[in-house]
N, C-alpha and C. Protein backbone atom coordinates (compact mmCIF):
# COMPACT_ATOMS: atom_id res chain seq x y z
N MET A 1 -11.87 4.03 -17.06
CA MET A 1 -12.25 5.31 -16.53
C MET A 1 -13.65 5.24 -15.89
N ALA A 2 -14.55 4.53 -16.55
CA ALA A 2 -15.90 4.39 -16.00
C ALA A 2 -15.87 3.63 -14.69
N VAL A 3 -15.01 2.61 -14.60
CA VAL A 3 -14.93 1.81 -13.38
C VAL A 3 -14.42 2.65 -12.22
N LYS A 4 -13.63 3.66 -12.52
CA LYS A 4 -13.12 4.53 -11.46
C LYS A 4 -14.12 5.62 -11.10
N SER A 5 -14.80 6.20 -12.09
CA SER A 5 -15.67 7.34 -11.81
C SER A 5 -17.08 6.97 -11.37
N GLU A 6 -17.63 5.88 -11.85
CA GLU A 6 -19.01 5.52 -11.50
C GLU A 6 -19.22 5.21 -10.02
N PRO A 7 -18.32 4.49 -9.35
CA PRO A 7 -18.55 4.25 -7.91
C PRO A 7 -18.60 5.53 -7.10
N ILE A 8 -17.88 6.56 -7.52
CA ILE A 8 -17.86 7.83 -6.79
C ILE A 8 -19.26 8.45 -6.76
N LYS A 9 -20.03 8.24 -7.83
CA LYS A 9 -21.40 8.76 -7.88
C LYS A 9 -22.28 8.15 -6.79
N PHE A 10 -21.86 7.00 -6.25
CA PHE A 10 -22.61 6.32 -5.20
C PHE A 10 -21.94 6.49 -3.84
N SER A 11 -21.06 7.50 -3.73
CA SER A 11 -20.31 7.77 -2.50
C SER A 11 -19.44 6.60 -2.10
N LEU A 12 -18.94 5.87 -3.08
CA LEU A 12 -18.00 4.78 -2.83
C LEU A 12 -16.62 5.26 -3.29
N HIS A 13 -15.60 4.81 -2.61
CA HIS A 13 -14.25 5.29 -2.89
C HIS A 13 -13.36 4.15 -3.42
N PRO A 14 -13.07 4.18 -4.73
CA PRO A 14 -12.17 3.17 -5.29
C PRO A 14 -10.77 3.34 -4.70
N VAL A 15 -10.21 2.24 -4.20
CA VAL A 15 -8.89 2.27 -3.61
C VAL A 15 -7.85 1.86 -4.65
N LYS A 16 -8.20 0.87 -5.45
CA LYS A 16 -7.26 0.32 -6.42
C LYS A 16 -8.04 0.00 -7.69
N VAL A 17 -7.57 0.52 -8.82
CA VAL A 17 -8.22 0.25 -10.10
C VAL A 17 -7.17 -0.30 -11.05
N GLU A 18 -7.41 -1.52 -11.53
CA GLU A 18 -6.53 -2.16 -12.49
C GLU A 18 -7.39 -2.73 -13.61
N LEU A 19 -6.73 -3.23 -14.62
CA LEU A 19 -7.45 -3.83 -15.73
C LEU A 19 -8.40 -4.91 -15.22
N GLY A 20 -9.68 -4.67 -15.36
CA GLY A 20 -10.68 -5.66 -14.98
C GLY A 20 -11.07 -5.70 -13.53
N THR A 21 -10.45 -4.87 -12.68
CA THR A 21 -10.80 -4.91 -11.26
C THR A 21 -10.86 -3.52 -10.65
N VAL A 22 -11.66 -3.42 -9.62
CA VAL A 22 -11.69 -2.22 -8.80
C VAL A 22 -11.97 -2.67 -7.37
N ASP A 23 -11.14 -2.21 -6.45
CA ASP A 23 -11.35 -2.48 -5.03
C ASP A 23 -11.96 -1.23 -4.42
N ILE A 24 -13.05 -1.42 -3.70
CA ILE A 24 -13.78 -0.30 -3.10
C ILE A 24 -13.64 -0.38 -1.59
N LEU A 25 -13.36 0.75 -0.97
CA LEU A 25 -13.12 0.83 0.47
C LEU A 25 -14.33 0.41 1.28
N GLU A 26 -15.50 0.92 0.94
CA GLU A 26 -16.71 0.69 1.74
C GLU A 26 -17.38 -0.64 1.39
N GLU A 27 -18.15 -1.12 2.35
CA GLU A 27 -19.05 -2.24 2.09
C GLU A 27 -20.28 -1.67 1.38
N GLN A 28 -20.80 -2.39 0.41
CA GLN A 28 -21.97 -1.92 -0.32
C GLN A 28 -23.23 -2.55 0.25
N ASN A 29 -24.30 -1.77 0.31
CA ASN A 29 -25.58 -2.36 0.66
C ASN A 29 -26.20 -2.90 -0.63
N GLU A 30 -27.25 -3.66 -0.53
CA GLU A 30 -27.85 -4.29 -1.71
C GLU A 30 -28.33 -3.29 -2.74
N LEU A 31 -28.91 -2.17 -2.31
CA LEU A 31 -29.43 -1.18 -3.24
C LEU A 31 -28.31 -0.54 -4.04
N SER A 32 -27.24 -0.10 -3.38
CA SER A 32 -26.15 0.54 -4.11
C SER A 32 -25.44 -0.46 -5.01
N LYS A 33 -25.37 -1.71 -4.59
CA LYS A 33 -24.73 -2.74 -5.41
C LYS A 33 -25.53 -2.96 -6.69
N LYS A 34 -26.86 -3.03 -6.59
CA LYS A 34 -27.71 -3.22 -7.78
C LYS A 34 -27.61 -2.03 -8.72
N GLU A 35 -27.66 -0.82 -8.16
CA GLU A 35 -27.57 0.39 -8.98
C GLU A 35 -26.22 0.49 -9.68
N LEU A 36 -25.15 0.22 -8.95
CA LEU A 36 -23.82 0.27 -9.52
C LEU A 36 -23.66 -0.77 -10.63
N ASN A 37 -24.16 -1.97 -10.40
CA ASN A 37 -24.10 -3.02 -11.41
C ASN A 37 -24.88 -2.63 -12.67
N LYS A 38 -26.02 -1.98 -12.48
CA LYS A 38 -26.84 -1.56 -13.60
C LYS A 38 -26.07 -0.54 -14.47
N ILE A 39 -25.45 0.43 -13.82
CA ILE A 39 -24.73 1.46 -14.56
C ILE A 39 -23.48 0.89 -15.21
N LEU A 40 -22.74 0.06 -14.49
CA LEU A 40 -21.53 -0.52 -15.09
C LEU A 40 -21.86 -1.43 -16.26
N SER A 41 -23.03 -2.07 -16.22
CA SER A 41 -23.42 -2.93 -17.34
C SER A 41 -23.65 -2.11 -18.62
N LEU A 42 -24.02 -0.84 -18.47
CA LEU A 42 -24.16 0.03 -19.64
C LEU A 42 -22.82 0.23 -20.35
N PHE A 43 -21.72 0.10 -19.60
CA PHE A 43 -20.38 0.24 -20.15
C PHE A 43 -19.79 -1.11 -20.55
N GLY A 44 -20.57 -2.18 -20.39
CA GLY A 44 -20.10 -3.52 -20.77
C GLY A 44 -19.38 -4.26 -19.66
N PHE A 45 -19.50 -3.81 -18.41
CA PHE A 45 -18.85 -4.47 -17.28
C PHE A 45 -19.85 -5.26 -16.46
N VAL A 46 -19.37 -6.29 -15.78
CA VAL A 46 -20.19 -7.04 -14.84
C VAL A 46 -19.45 -7.14 -13.51
N SER A 47 -20.19 -7.25 -12.44
CA SER A 47 -19.61 -7.37 -11.12
C SER A 47 -19.40 -8.85 -10.79
N ILE A 48 -18.24 -9.16 -10.25
CA ILE A 48 -17.93 -10.53 -9.84
C ILE A 48 -17.70 -10.49 -8.34
N ASP A 49 -18.59 -11.13 -7.59
CA ASP A 49 -18.52 -11.06 -6.14
C ASP A 49 -17.89 -12.28 -5.47
N ASP A 50 -18.03 -13.44 -6.07
CA ASP A 50 -17.52 -14.62 -5.37
C ASP A 50 -16.05 -14.89 -5.73
N LYS A 51 -15.34 -15.54 -4.81
CA LYS A 51 -13.91 -15.76 -4.95
C LYS A 51 -13.55 -16.60 -6.17
N LYS A 52 -14.33 -17.64 -6.43
CA LYS A 52 -14.01 -18.54 -7.53
C LYS A 52 -14.10 -17.81 -8.88
N SER A 53 -15.15 -17.04 -9.08
CA SER A 53 -15.31 -16.29 -10.32
C SER A 53 -14.22 -15.23 -10.45
N ARG A 54 -13.85 -14.62 -9.34
CA ARG A 54 -12.79 -13.62 -9.36
C ARG A 54 -11.46 -14.25 -9.78
N MET A 55 -11.17 -15.43 -9.25
CA MET A 55 -9.93 -16.13 -9.58
C MET A 55 -9.91 -16.50 -11.06
N VAL A 56 -11.02 -17.00 -11.58
CA VAL A 56 -11.11 -17.35 -13.00
C VAL A 56 -10.86 -16.11 -13.86
N GLU A 57 -11.44 -14.99 -13.47
CA GLU A 57 -11.26 -13.74 -14.22
C GLU A 57 -9.82 -13.28 -14.18
N GLN A 58 -9.15 -13.42 -13.05
CA GLN A 58 -7.74 -13.03 -12.95
C GLN A 58 -6.87 -13.91 -13.84
N ILE A 59 -7.16 -15.20 -13.88
CA ILE A 59 -6.40 -16.12 -14.73
C ILE A 59 -6.60 -15.76 -16.20
N LYS A 60 -7.84 -15.45 -16.58
CA LYS A 60 -8.11 -15.05 -17.97
C LYS A 60 -7.34 -13.77 -18.32
N ASN A 61 -7.28 -12.81 -17.41
CA ASN A 61 -6.55 -11.57 -17.66
C ASN A 61 -5.05 -11.82 -17.81
N ILE A 62 -4.50 -12.71 -17.00
CA ILE A 62 -3.08 -13.05 -17.09
C ILE A 62 -2.77 -13.71 -18.42
N ILE A 63 -3.60 -14.66 -18.83
CA ILE A 63 -3.40 -15.34 -20.11
C ILE A 63 -3.51 -14.36 -21.27
N ALA A 64 -4.49 -13.48 -21.22
CA ALA A 64 -4.66 -12.48 -22.28
C ALA A 64 -3.43 -11.58 -22.36
N ALA A 65 -2.90 -11.17 -21.20
CA ALA A 65 -1.71 -10.32 -21.19
C ALA A 65 -0.50 -11.06 -21.75
N LEU A 66 -0.36 -12.34 -21.41
CA LEU A 66 0.76 -13.13 -21.93
C LEU A 66 0.67 -13.27 -23.45
N VAL A 67 -0.52 -13.53 -23.96
CA VAL A 67 -0.71 -13.67 -25.40
C VAL A 67 -0.43 -12.33 -26.09
N TYR A 68 -0.93 -11.26 -25.53
CA TYR A 68 -0.74 -9.93 -26.12
C TYR A 68 0.73 -9.55 -26.17
N TYR A 69 1.45 -9.74 -25.06
CA TYR A 69 2.86 -9.32 -25.00
C TYR A 69 3.80 -10.27 -25.72
N SER A 70 3.36 -11.47 -26.05
CA SER A 70 4.24 -12.41 -26.76
C SER A 70 4.20 -12.20 -28.27
N GLN A 71 3.30 -11.34 -28.74
CA GLN A 71 3.16 -11.11 -30.18
C GLN A 71 4.22 -10.20 -30.68
């Protein structure tokens, strides 16, 4: 919920929100990116900007889902 509502406070529009990810329509400038990261960190989230880290995070989410649903 925080991942969906917090970007709106910065006039950013989340297009897609899933477990561990949010796609935002607009490009962020450095100031809004820092502010958004600061607020999301209060909720225990971190921003992942590079492709390699994003891929690793997606793989971790898939493995976690497989482990959870196999129980």
